[in-house]
Full PDB file with SEQRES, HELIX, SHEET, SSBOND, CRYST1, ORIGX, SCALE, CONECT and MASTER records, all heavy atoms in Angstrom:
SEQRES   1 A   38  GLN ILE ARG ASP LEU SER HIS GLN LEU ASN LEU LYS PRO          
SEQRES   2 A   38  TYR ASN SER GLU VAL LYS VAL ALA ILE ILE HIS PRO GLY          
SEQRES   3 A   38  GLU ILE LEU THR PRO GLU ALA GLN ALA SER LEU LEU              
HELIX    1 AA1 ILE A    2  ASN A   10  1                                   9    
HELIX    2 AA2 GLY A   26  ILE A   28  5                                   3    
HELIX    3 AA3 PRO A   31  LEU A   37  1                                   7    
CRYST1    1.000    1.000    1.000  90.00  90.00  90.00 P 1           1          
ORIGX1      1.000000  0.000000  0.000000        0.00000                         
ORIGX2      0.000000  1.000000  0.000000        0.00000                         
ORIGX3      0.000000  0.000000  1.000000        0.00000                         
SCALE1      1.000000  0.000000  0.000000        0.00000                         
SCALE2      0.000000  1.000000  0.000000        0.00000                         
SCALE3      0.000000  0.000000  1.000000        0.00000                         
ATOM      1  N   GLN A   1       3.203   6.902   4.479  1.00  0.00           N  
ATOM      2  CA  GLN A   1       1.939   6.178   4.173  1.00  0.00           C  
ATOM      3  C   GLN A   1       2.201   4.939   3.427  1.00  0.00           C  
ATOM      4  O   GLN A   1       1.577   3.886   3.669  1.00  0.00           O  
ATOM      5  CB  GLN A   1       1.080   7.105   3.315  1.00  0.00           C  
ATOM      6  CG  GLN A   1       0.509   8.327   4.112  1.00  0.00           C  
ATOM      7  CD  GLN A   1      -0.180   9.274   3.158  1.00  0.00           C  
ATOM      8  OE1 GLN A   1       0.439  10.069   2.476  1.00  0.00           O  
ATOM      9  NE2 GLN A   1      -1.507   9.176   3.159  1.00  0.00           N  
ATOM     10  N   ILE A   2       3.171   4.895   2.548  1.00  0.00           N  
ATOM     11  CA  ILE A   2       3.495   3.717   1.795  1.00  0.00           C  
ATOM     12  C   ILE A   2       4.203   2.679   2.658  1.00  0.00           C  
ATOM     13  O   ILE A   2       3.934   1.472   2.543  1.00  0.00           O  
ATOM     14  CB  ILE A   2       4.366   4.065   0.503  1.00  0.00           C  
ATOM     15  CG1 ILE A   2       3.568   5.010  -0.405  1.00  0.00           C  
ATOM     16  CG2 ILE A   2       4.783   2.795  -0.229  1.00  0.00           C  
ATOM     17  CD1 ILE A   2       2.256   4.530  -0.860  1.00  0.00           C  
ATOM     18  N   ARG A   3       5.056   3.083   3.547  1.00  0.00           N  
ATOM     19  CA  ARG A   3       5.690   2.141   4.483  1.00  0.00           C  
ATOM     20  C   ARG A   3       4.651   1.507   5.374  1.00  0.00           C  
ATOM     21  O   ARG A   3       4.716   0.267   5.622  1.00  0.00           O  
ATOM     22  CB  ARG A   3       6.751   2.800   5.320  1.00  0.00           C  
ATOM     23  CG  ARG A   3       7.981   3.088   4.514  1.00  0.00           C  
ATOM     24  CD  ARG A   3       9.069   3.810   5.345  1.00  0.00           C  
ATOM     25  NE  ARG A   3      10.249   4.010   4.592  1.00  0.00           N  
ATOM     26  CZ  ARG A   3      11.209   4.896   4.905  1.00  0.00           C  
ATOM     27  NH1 ARG A   3      11.050   5.670   5.960  1.00  0.00           N  
ATOM     28  NH2 ARG A   3      12.248   4.964   4.188  1.00  0.00           N  
ATOM     29  N   ASP A   4       3.685   2.258   5.869  1.00  0.00           N  
ATOM     30  CA  ASP A   4       2.611   1.753   6.675  1.00  0.00           C  
ATOM     31  C   ASP A   4       1.728   0.776   5.826  1.00  0.00           C  
ATOM     32  O   ASP A   4       1.387  -0.258   6.359  1.00  0.00           O  
ATOM     33  CB  ASP A   4       1.763   2.905   7.189  1.00  0.00           C  
ATOM     34  CG  ASP A   4       0.676   2.415   8.146  1.00  0.00           C  
ATOM     35  OD1 ASP A   4       0.986   1.619   9.071  1.00  0.00           O  
ATOM     36  OD2 ASP A   4      -0.516   2.761   7.954  1.00  0.00           O  
ATOM     37  N   LEU A   5       1.502   1.131   4.601  1.00  0.00           N  
ATOM     38  CA  LEU A   5       0.757   0.227   3.708  1.00  0.00           C  
ATOM     39  C   LEU A   5       1.485  -1.144   3.554  1.00  0.00           C  
ATOM     40  O   LEU A   5       0.872  -2.162   3.650  1.00  0.00           O  
ATOM     41  CB  LEU A   5       0.535   0.841   2.314  1.00  0.00           C  
ATOM     42  CG  LEU A   5       0.000  -0.016   1.241  1.00  0.00           C  
ATOM     43  CD1 LEU A   5      -1.446  -0.462   1.565  1.00  0.00           C  
ATOM     44  CD2 LEU A   5       0.042   0.687  -0.083  1.00  0.00           C  
ATOM     45  N   SER A   6       2.750  -1.080   3.326  1.00  0.00           N  
ATOM     46  CA  SER A   6       3.569  -2.286   3.119  1.00  0.00           C  
ATOM     47  C   SER A   6       3.431  -3.177   4.392  1.00  0.00           C  
ATOM     48  O   SER A   6       3.299  -4.388   4.269  1.00  0.00           O  
ATOM     49  CB  SER A   6       5.033  -1.970   2.877  1.00  0.00           C  
ATOM     50  OG  SER A   6       5.128  -1.318   1.649  1.00  0.00           O  
ATOM     51  N   HIS A   7       3.509  -2.558   5.555  1.00  0.00           N  
ATOM     52  CA  HIS A   7       3.380  -3.318   6.813  1.00  0.00           C  
ATOM     53  C   HIS A   7       2.036  -3.947   6.875  1.00  0.00           C  
ATOM     54  O   HIS A   7       1.893  -5.149   7.220  1.00  0.00           O  
ATOM     55  CB  HIS A   7       3.642  -2.416   8.003  1.00  0.00           C  
ATOM     56  CG  HIS A   7       3.340  -3.039   9.305  1.00  0.00           C  
ATOM     57  ND1 HIS A   7       4.101  -4.027   9.844  1.00  0.00           N  
ATOM     58  CD2 HIS A   7       2.271  -2.898  10.162  1.00  0.00           C  
ATOM     59  CE1 HIS A   7       3.576  -4.466  11.000  1.00  0.00           C  
ATOM     60  NE2 HIS A   7       2.441  -3.796  11.167  1.00  0.00           N  
ATOM     61  N   GLN A   8       0.979  -3.161   6.611  1.00  0.00           N  
ATOM     62  CA  GLN A   8      -0.420  -3.696   6.656  1.00  0.00           C  
ATOM     63  C   GLN A   8      -0.645  -4.875   5.686  1.00  0.00           C  
ATOM     64  O   GLN A   8      -1.347  -5.795   5.984  1.00  0.00           O  
ATOM     65  CB  GLN A   8      -1.428  -2.582   6.451  1.00  0.00           C  
ATOM     66  CG  GLN A   8      -1.478  -1.564   7.529  1.00  0.00           C  
ATOM     67  CD  GLN A   8      -2.452  -0.515   7.241  1.00  0.00           C  
ATOM     68  OE1 GLN A   8      -3.541  -0.760   6.769  1.00  0.00           O  
ATOM     69  NE2 GLN A   8      -2.148   0.731   7.579  1.00  0.00           N  
ATOM     70  N   LEU A   9      -0.047  -4.754   4.522  1.00  0.00           N  
ATOM     71  CA  LEU A   9      -0.205  -5.799   3.493  1.00  0.00           C  
ATOM     72  C   LEU A   9       0.464  -7.097   3.895  1.00  0.00           C  
ATOM     73  O   LEU A   9       0.116  -8.185   3.351  1.00  0.00           O  
ATOM     74  CB  LEU A   9       0.347  -5.359   2.107  1.00  0.00           C  
ATOM     75  CG  LEU A   9      -0.477  -4.264   1.428  1.00  0.00           C  
ATOM     76  CD1 LEU A   9       0.203  -3.837   0.164  1.00  0.00           C  
ATOM     77  CD2 LEU A   9      -1.958  -4.731   1.112  1.00  0.00           C  
ATOM     78  N   ASN A  10       1.454  -7.039   4.781  1.00  0.00           N  
ATOM     79  CA  ASN A  10       2.097  -8.279   5.240  1.00  0.00           C  
ATOM     80  C   ASN A  10       1.260  -9.010   6.257  1.00  0.00           C  
ATOM     81  O   ASN A  10       1.625 -10.160   6.599  1.00  0.00           O  
ATOM     82  CB  ASN A  10       3.474  -7.901   5.794  1.00  0.00           C  
ATOM     83  CG  ASN A  10       4.488  -7.677   4.709  1.00  0.00           C  
ATOM     84  OD1 ASN A  10       4.453  -8.318   3.622  1.00  0.00           O  
ATOM     85  ND2 ASN A  10       5.365  -6.701   4.916  1.00  0.00           N  
ATOM     86  N   LEU A  11       0.264  -8.365   6.846  1.00  0.00           N  
ATOM     87  CA  LEU A  11      -0.627  -9.062   7.748  1.00  0.00           C  
ATOM     88  C   LEU A  11      -1.697  -9.869   6.991  1.00  0.00           C  
ATOM     89  O   LEU A  11      -2.051  -9.534   5.846  1.00  0.00           O  
ATOM     90  CB  LEU A  11      -1.316  -7.989   8.651  1.00  0.00           C  
ATOM     91  CG  LEU A  11      -0.396  -7.108   9.446  1.00  0.00           C  
ATOM     92  CD1 LEU A  11      -1.215  -6.028  10.114  1.00  0.00           C  
ATOM     93  CD2 LEU A  11       0.427  -7.878  10.415  1.00  0.00           C  
ATOM     94  N   LYS A  12      -2.166 -10.889   7.637  1.00  0.00           N  
ATOM     95  CA  LYS A  12      -3.176 -11.741   6.941  1.00  0.00           C  
ATOM     96  C   LYS A  12      -4.504 -11.014   6.850  1.00  0.00           C  
ATOM     97  O   LYS A  12      -4.873 -10.254   7.674  1.00  0.00           O  
ATOM     98  CB  LYS A  12      -3.472 -13.038   7.790  1.00  0.00           C  
ATOM     99  CG  LYS A  12      -2.350 -14.061   7.647  1.00  0.00           C  
ATOM    100  CD  LYS A  12      -2.726 -15.301   8.379  1.00  0.00           C  
ATOM    101  CE  LYS A  12      -1.718 -16.411   8.139  1.00  0.00           C  
ATOM    102  NZ  LYS A  12      -2.138 -17.647   8.702  1.00  0.00           N  
ATOM    103  N   PRO A  13      -5.255 -11.297   5.703  1.00  0.00           N  
ATOM    104  CA  PRO A  13      -6.582 -10.682   5.541  1.00  0.00           C  
ATOM    105  C   PRO A  13      -7.477 -11.165   6.655  1.00  0.00           C  
ATOM    106  O   PRO A  13      -7.369 -12.276   7.183  1.00  0.00           O  
ATOM    107  CB  PRO A  13      -7.035 -11.203   4.188  1.00  0.00           C  
ATOM    108  CG  PRO A  13      -5.785 -11.686   3.519  1.00  0.00           C  
ATOM    109  CD  PRO A  13      -4.818 -12.085   4.546  1.00  0.00           C  
ATOM    110  N   TYR A  14      -8.458 -10.295   6.976  1.00  0.00           N  
ATOM    111  CA  TYR A  14      -9.399 -10.626   8.101  1.00  0.00           C  
ATOM    112  C   TYR A  14     -10.586 -11.403   7.603  1.00  0.00           C  
ATOM    113  O   TYR A  14     -10.931 -12.442   8.195  1.00  0.00           O  
ATOM    114  CB  TYR A  14      -9.866  -9.327   8.719  1.00  0.00           C  
ATOM    115  CG  TYR A  14     -10.698  -9.493   9.931  1.00  0.00           C  
ATOM    116  CD1 TYR A  14     -10.141  -9.957  11.128  1.00  0.00           C  
ATOM    117  CD2 TYR A  14     -12.070  -9.205   9.905  1.00  0.00           C  
ATOM    118  CE1 TYR A  14     -10.955 -10.096  12.284  1.00  0.00           C  
ATOM    119  CE2 TYR A  14     -12.807  -9.334  11.011  1.00  0.00           C  
ATOM    120  CZ  TYR A  14     -12.260  -9.814  12.199  1.00  0.00           C  
ATOM    121  OH  TYR A  14     -13.021  -9.963  13.243  1.00  0.00           O  
ATOM    122  N   ASN A  15     -11.286 -10.939   6.554  1.00  0.00           N  
ATOM    123  CA  ASN A  15     -12.510 -11.559   6.131  1.00  0.00           C  
ATOM    124  C   ASN A  15     -12.555 -12.104   4.716  1.00  0.00           C  
ATOM    125  O   ASN A  15     -13.621 -12.377   4.177  1.00  0.00           O  
ATOM    126  CB  ASN A  15     -13.656 -10.541   6.260  1.00  0.00           C  
ATOM    127  CG  ASN A  15     -14.269 -10.463   7.628  1.00  0.00           C  
ATOM    128  OD1 ASN A  15     -14.144 -11.395   8.410  1.00  0.00           O  
ATOM    129  ND2 ASN A  15     -14.816  -9.352   7.947  1.00  0.00           N  
ATOM    130  N   SER A  16     -11.419 -12.133   4.029  1.00  0.00           N  
ATOM    131  CA  SER A  16     -11.419 -12.568   2.654  1.00  0.00           C  
ATOM    132  C   SER A  16     -10.080 -13.279   2.374  1.00  0.00           C  
ATOM    133  O   SER A  16      -9.213 -13.328   3.218  1.00  0.00           O  
ATOM    134  CB  SER A  16     -11.636 -11.414   1.648  1.00  0.00           C  
ATOM    135  OG  SER A  16     -10.632 -10.516   1.750  1.00  0.00           O  
ATOM    136  N   GLU A  17      -9.910 -13.718   1.133  1.00  0.00           N  
ATOM    137  CA  GLU A  17      -8.657 -14.399   0.763  1.00  0.00           C  
ATOM    138  C   GLU A  17      -7.530 -13.396   0.481  1.00  0.00           C  
ATOM    139  O   GLU A  17      -6.366 -13.755   0.536  1.00  0.00           O  
ATOM    140  CB  GLU A  17      -8.898 -15.265  -0.411  1.00  0.00           C  
ATOM    141  CG  GLU A  17      -9.775 -16.452  -0.148  1.00  0.00           C  
ATOM    142  CD  GLU A  17      -9.966 -17.359  -1.375  1.00  0.00           C  
ATOM    143  OE1 GLU A  17      -9.117 -17.277  -2.307  1.00  0.00           O  
ATOM    144  OE2 GLU A  17     -10.940 -18.102  -1.425  1.00  0.00           O  
ATOM    145  N   VAL A  18      -7.880 -12.165   0.153  1.00  0.00           N  
ATOM    146  CA  VAL A  18      -6.923 -11.178  -0.195  1.00  0.00           C  
ATOM    147  C   VAL A  18      -7.141  -9.861   0.536  1.00  0.00           C  
ATOM    148  O   VAL A  18      -8.262  -9.622   1.015  1.00  0.00           O  
ATOM    149  CB  VAL A  18      -6.873 -10.867  -1.712  1.00  0.00           C  
ATOM    150  CG1 VAL A  18      -6.504 -12.085  -2.542  1.00  0.00           C  
ATOM    151  CG2 VAL A  18      -8.186 -10.254  -2.170  1.00  0.00           C  
ATOM    152  N   LYS A  19      -6.116  -9.067   0.665  1.00  0.00           N  
ATOM    153  CA  LYS A  19      -6.172  -7.741   1.205  1.00  0.00           C  
ATOM    154  C   LYS A  19      -5.962  -6.801   0.045  1.00  0.00           C  
ATOM    155  O   LYS A  19      -4.971  -6.910  -0.744  1.00  0.00           O  
ATOM    156  CB  LYS A  19      -5.095  -7.512   2.196  1.00  0.00           C  
ATOM    157  CG  LYS A  19      -5.353  -6.393   3.209  1.00  0.00           C  
ATOM    158  CD  LYS A  19      -4.315  -6.424   4.256  1.00  0.00           C  
ATOM    159  CE  LYS A  19      -4.909  -7.117   5.433  1.00  0.00           C  
ATOM    160  NZ  LYS A  19      -4.164  -6.856   6.715  1.00  0.00           N  
ATOM    161  N   VAL A  20      -6.901  -5.858  -0.233  1.00  0.00           N  
ATOM    162  CA  VAL A  20      -6.806  -4.929  -1.371  1.00  0.00           C  
ATOM    163  C   VAL A  20      -6.441  -3.577  -0.884  1.00  0.00           C  
ATOM    164  O   VAL A  20      -6.967  -3.052   0.115  1.00  0.00           O  
ATOM    165  CB  VAL A  20      -8.168  -4.846  -2.084  1.00  0.00           C  
ATOM    166  CG1 VAL A  20      -8.144  -3.808  -3.169  1.00  0.00           C  
ATOM    167  CG2 VAL A  20      -8.587  -6.245  -2.605  1.00  0.00           C  
ATOM    168  N   ALA A  21      -5.411  -2.990  -1.545  1.00  0.00           N  
ATOM    169  CA  ALA A  21      -4.976  -1.584  -1.237  1.00  0.00           C  
ATOM    170  C   ALA A  21      -5.315  -0.739  -2.434  1.00  0.00           C  
ATOM    171  O   ALA A  21      -5.003  -1.078  -3.551  1.00  0.00           O  
ATOM    172  CB  ALA A  21      -3.487  -1.549  -0.938  1.00  0.00           C  
ATOM    173  N   ILE A  22      -6.014   0.372  -2.147  1.00  0.00           N  
ATOM    174  CA  ILE A  22      -6.304   1.301  -3.218  1.00  0.00           C  
ATOM    175  C   ILE A  22      -5.508   2.608  -2.911  1.00  0.00           C  
ATOM    176  O   ILE A  22      -5.634   3.172  -1.840  1.00  0.00           O  
ATOM    177  CB  ILE A  22      -7.801   1.644  -3.251  1.00  0.00           C  
ATOM    178  CG1 ILE A  22      -8.628   0.350  -3.507  1.00  0.00           C  
ATOM    179  CG2 ILE A  22      -8.135   2.722  -4.237  1.00  0.00           C  
ATOM    180  CD1 ILE A  22     -10.130   0.526  -3.326  1.00  0.00           C  
ATOM    181  N   ILE A  23      -4.711   2.992  -3.885  1.00  0.00           N  
ATOM    182  CA  ILE A  23      -3.901   4.219  -3.796  1.00  0.00           C  
ATOM    183  C   ILE A  23      -4.518   5.207  -4.757  1.00  0.00           C  
ATOM    184  O   ILE A  23      -4.587   5.025  -5.955  1.00  0.00           O  
ATOM    185  CB  ILE A  23      -2.447   3.936  -4.127  1.00  0.00           C  
ATOM    186  CG1 ILE A  23      -1.888   2.927  -3.149  1.00  0.00           C  
ATOM    187  CG2 ILE A  23      -1.637   5.275  -4.046  1.00  0.00           C  
ATOM    188  CD1 ILE A  23      -0.472   2.473  -3.509  1.00  0.00           C  
ATOM    189  N   HIS A  24      -5.099   6.312  -4.168  1.00  0.00           N  
ATOM    190  CA  HIS A  24      -5.881   7.217  -4.919  1.00  0.00           C  
ATOM    191  C   HIS A  24      -5.576   8.650  -4.565  1.00  0.00           C  
ATOM    192  O   HIS A  24      -5.705   8.988  -3.364  1.00  0.00           O  
ATOM    193  CB  HIS A  24      -7.338   6.936  -4.751  1.00  0.00           C  
ATOM    194  CG  HIS A  24      -8.297   7.964  -5.367  1.00  0.00           C  
ATOM    195  ND1 HIS A  24      -8.483   7.923  -6.720  1.00  0.00           N  
ATOM    196  CD2 HIS A  24      -8.940   8.995  -4.880  1.00  0.00           C  
ATOM    197  CE1 HIS A  24      -9.268   8.948  -7.029  1.00  0.00           C  
ATOM    198  NE2 HIS A  24      -9.554   9.597  -5.921  1.00  0.00           N  
ATOM    199  N   PRO A  25      -5.252   9.524  -5.435  1.00  0.00           N  
ATOM    200  CA  PRO A  25      -4.724   9.292  -6.789  1.00  0.00           C  
ATOM    201  C   PRO A  25      -3.253   9.013  -6.825  1.00  0.00           C  
ATOM    202  O   PRO A  25      -2.475   9.636  -6.081  1.00  0.00           O  
ATOM    203  CB  PRO A  25      -5.076  10.611  -7.469  1.00  0.00           C  
ATOM    204  CG  PRO A  25      -5.038  11.647  -6.404  1.00  0.00           C  
ATOM    205  CD  PRO A  25      -5.431  10.953  -5.120  1.00  0.00           C  
ATOM    206  N   GLY A  26      -2.860   8.131  -7.687  1.00  0.00           N  
ATOM    207  CA  GLY A  26      -1.474   7.672  -7.758  1.00  0.00           C  
ATOM    208  C   GLY A  26      -0.524   8.784  -8.215  1.00  0.00           C  
ATOM    209  O   GLY A  26       0.676   8.724  -7.913  1.00  0.00           O  
ATOM    210  N   GLU A  27      -1.022   9.752  -8.974  1.00  0.00           N  
ATOM    211  CA  GLU A  27      -0.100  10.795  -9.484  1.00  0.00           C  
ATOM    212  C   GLU A  27       0.389  11.762  -8.468  1.00  0.00           C  
ATOM    213  O   GLU A  27       1.314  12.521  -8.714  1.00  0.00           O  
ATOM    214  CB  GLU A  27      -0.772  11.518 -10.657  1.00  0.00           C  
ATOM    215  CG  GLU A  27      -2.006  12.280 -10.308  1.00  0.00           C  
ATOM    216  CD  GLU A  27      -3.310  11.526 -10.652  1.00  0.00           C  
ATOM    217  OE1 GLU A  27      -3.248  10.311 -10.850  1.00  0.00           O  
ATOM    218  OE2 GLU A  27      -4.367  12.172 -10.698  1.00  0.00           O  
ATOM    219  N   ILE A  28      -0.077  11.689  -7.211  1.00  0.00           N  
ATOM    220  CA  ILE A  28       0.468  12.619  -6.185  1.00  0.00           C  
ATOM    221  C   ILE A  28       1.418  11.903  -5.242  1.00  0.00           C  
ATOM    222  O   ILE A  28       1.794  12.443  -4.225  1.00  0.00           O  
ATOM    223  CB  ILE A  28      -0.718  13.289  -5.369  1.00  0.00           C  
ATOM    224  CG1 ILE A  28      -1.547  12.246  -4.600  1.00  0.00           C  
ATOM    225  CG2 ILE A  28      -1.601  14.101  -6.290  1.00  0.00           C  
ATOM    226  CD1 ILE A  28      -2.519  12.846  -3.619  1.00  0.00           C  
ATOM    227  N   LEU A  29       1.867  10.675  -5.597  1.00  0.00           N  
ATOM    228  CA  LEU A  29       2.891  10.023  -4.827  1.00  0.00           C  
ATOM    229  C   LEU A  29       4.191  10.806  -4.913  1.00  0.00           C  
ATOM    230  O   LEU A  29       4.589  11.276  -5.989  1.00  0.00           O  
ATOM    231  CB  LEU A  29       3.139   8.683  -5.338  1.00  0.00           C  
ATOM    232  CG  LEU A  29       2.106   7.547  -5.042  1.00  0.00           C  
ATOM    233  CD1 LEU A  29       2.235   6.384  -5.993  1.00  0.00           C  
ATOM    234  CD2 LEU A  29       2.346   7.084  -3.585  1.00  0.00           C  
ATOM    235  N   THR A  30       4.843  11.078  -3.763  1.00  0.00           N  
ATOM    236  CA  THR A  30       6.148  11.758  -3.825  1.00  0.00           C  
ATOM    237  C   THR A  30       7.154  10.820  -4.408  1.00  0.00           C  
ATOM    238  O   THR A  30       6.969   9.601  -4.473  1.00  0.00           O  
ATOM    239  CB  THR A  30       6.559  12.159  -2.386  1.00  0.00           C  
ATOM    240  OG1 THR A  30       6.760  10.982  -1.640  1.00  0.00           O  
ATOM    241  CG2 THR A  30       5.590  13.077  -1.695  1.00  0.00           C  
ATOM    242  N   PRO A  31       8.281  11.338  -4.934  1.00  0.00           N  
ATOM    243  CA  PRO A  31       9.296  10.480  -5.477  1.00  0.00           C  
ATOM    244  C   PRO A  31       9.763   9.385  -4.545  1.00  0.00           C  
ATOM    245  O   PRO A  31      10.027   8.223  -4.915  1.00  0.00           O  
ATOM    246  CB  PRO A  31      10.431  11.423  -5.870  1.00  0.00           C  
ATOM    247  CG  PRO A  31       9.744  12.696  -6.110  1.00  0.00           C  
ATOM    248  CD  PRO A  31       8.595  12.719  -5.130  1.00  0.00           C  
ATOM    249  N   GLU A  32       9.898   9.705  -3.216  1.00  0.00           N  
ATOM    250  CA  GLU A  32      10.307   8.767  -2.255  1.00  0.00           C  
ATOM    251  C   GLU A  32       9.260   7.632  -2.041  1.00  0.00           C  
ATOM    252  O   GLU A  32       9.584   6.514  -1.914  1.00  0.00           O  
ATOM    253  CB  GLU A  32      10.559   9.477  -0.898  1.00  0.00           C  
ATOM    254  CG  GLU A  32      11.729  10.414  -0.908  1.00  0.00           C  
ATOM    255  CD  GLU A  32      11.371  11.792  -1.420  1.00  0.00           C  
ATOM    256  OE1 GLU A  32      10.148  12.097  -1.635  1.00  0.00           O  
ATOM    257  OE2 GLU A  32      12.270  12.597  -1.724  1.00  0.00           O  
ATOM    258  N   ALA A  33       7.992   8.049  -2.061  1.00  0.00           N  
ATOM    259  CA  ALA A  33       6.877   7.124  -1.944  1.00  0.00           C  
ATOM    260  C   ALA A  33       6.816   6.229  -3.173  1.00  0.00           C  
ATOM    261  O   ALA A  33       6.522   4.988  -3.027  1.00  0.00           O  
ATOM    262  CB  ALA A  33       5.576   7.820  -1.755  1.00  0.00           C  
ATOM    263  N   GLN A  34       7.078   6.727  -4.327  1.00  0.00           N  
ATOM    264  CA  GLN A  34       7.089   5.949  -5.546  1.00  0.00           C  
ATOM    265  C   GLN A  34       8.186   4.860  -5.478  1.00  0.00           C  
ATOM    266  O   GLN A  34       7.922   3.671  -5.780  1.00  0.00           O  
ATOM    267  CB  GLN A  34       7.388   6.844  -6.758  1.00  0.00           C  
ATOM    268  CG  GLN A  34       6.265   7.768  -7.111  1.00  0.00           C  
ATOM    269  CD  GLN A  34       6.701   8.734  -8.198  1.00  0.00           C  
ATOM    270  OE1 GLN A  34       7.608   8.526  -8.970  1.00  0.00           O  
ATOM    271  NE2 GLN A  34       5.967   9.877  -8.273  1.00  0.00           N  
ATOM    272  N   ALA A  35       9.353   5.224  -5.000  1.00  0.00           N  
ATOM    273  CA  ALA A  35      10.479   4.234  -4.838  1.00  0.00           C  
ATOM    274  C   ALA A  35      10.092   3.170  -3.841  1.00  0.00           C  
ATOM    275  O   ALA A  35      10.374   1.976  -4.070  1.00  0.00           O  
ATOM    276  CB  ALA A  35      11.803   4.950  -4.446  1.00  0.00           C  
ATOM    277  N   SER A  36       9.519   3.568  -2.743  1.00  0.00           N  
ATOM    278  CA  SER A  36       9.077   2.565  -1.718  1.00  0.00           C  
ATOM    279  C   SER A  36       7.991   1.647  -2.241  1.00  0.00           C  
ATOM    280  O   SER A  36       7.960   0.476  -1.958  1.00  0.00           O  
ATOM    281  CB  SER A  36       8.567   3.320  -0.448  1.00  0.00           C  
ATOM    282  OG  SER A  36       8.258   2.453   0.549  1.00  0.00           O  
ATOM    283  N   LEU A  37       7.052   2.221  -2.959  1.00  0.00           N  
ATOM    284  CA  LEU A  37       5.975   1.432  -3.539  1.00  0.00           C  
ATOM    285  C   LEU A  37       6.470   0.475  -4.595  1.00  0.00           C  
ATOM    286  O   LEU A  37       6.025  -0.694  -4.717  1.00  0.00           O  
ATOM    287  CB  LEU A  37       4.890   2.350  -4.211  1.00  0.00           C  
ATOM    288  CG  LEU A  37       3.689   1.642  -4.794  1.00  0.00           C  
ATOM    289  CD1 LEU A  37       2.944   0.872  -3.766  1.00  0.00           C  
ATOM    290  CD2 LEU A  37       2.747   2.659  -5.523  1.00  0.00           C  
ATOM    291  N   LEU A  38       7.515   0.846  -5.329  1.00  0.00           N  
ATOM    292  CA  LEU A  38       8.113  -0.016  -6.315  1.00  0.00           C  
ATOM    293  C   LEU A  38       8.628  -1.326  -5.710  1.00  0.00           C  
ATOM    294  O   LEU A  38       8.415  -2.429  -6.248  1.00  0.00           O  
ATOM    295  CB  LEU A  38       9.249   0.661  -7.062  1.00  0.00           C  
ATOM    296  CG  LEU A  38       9.909  -0.127  -8.153  1.00  0.00           C  
ATOM    297  CD1 LEU A  38       8.921  -0.485  -9.252  1.00  0.00           C  
ATOM    298  CD2 LEU A  38      11.073   0.672  -8.754  1.00  0.00           C  
TER     299      LEU A  38                                                      
MASTER        0    0    0    3    0    0    0    6  298    1    0    3          
END                                                                             
């Protein structure tokens, strides 16, 4: 999920100046996902 998010964030925003990613809830990130998100 985090790798897919990183890919999506590299694409240009569609309707605004920024692309916002909400990770909810952050405390359930696996250790591997945490390292990738870092």
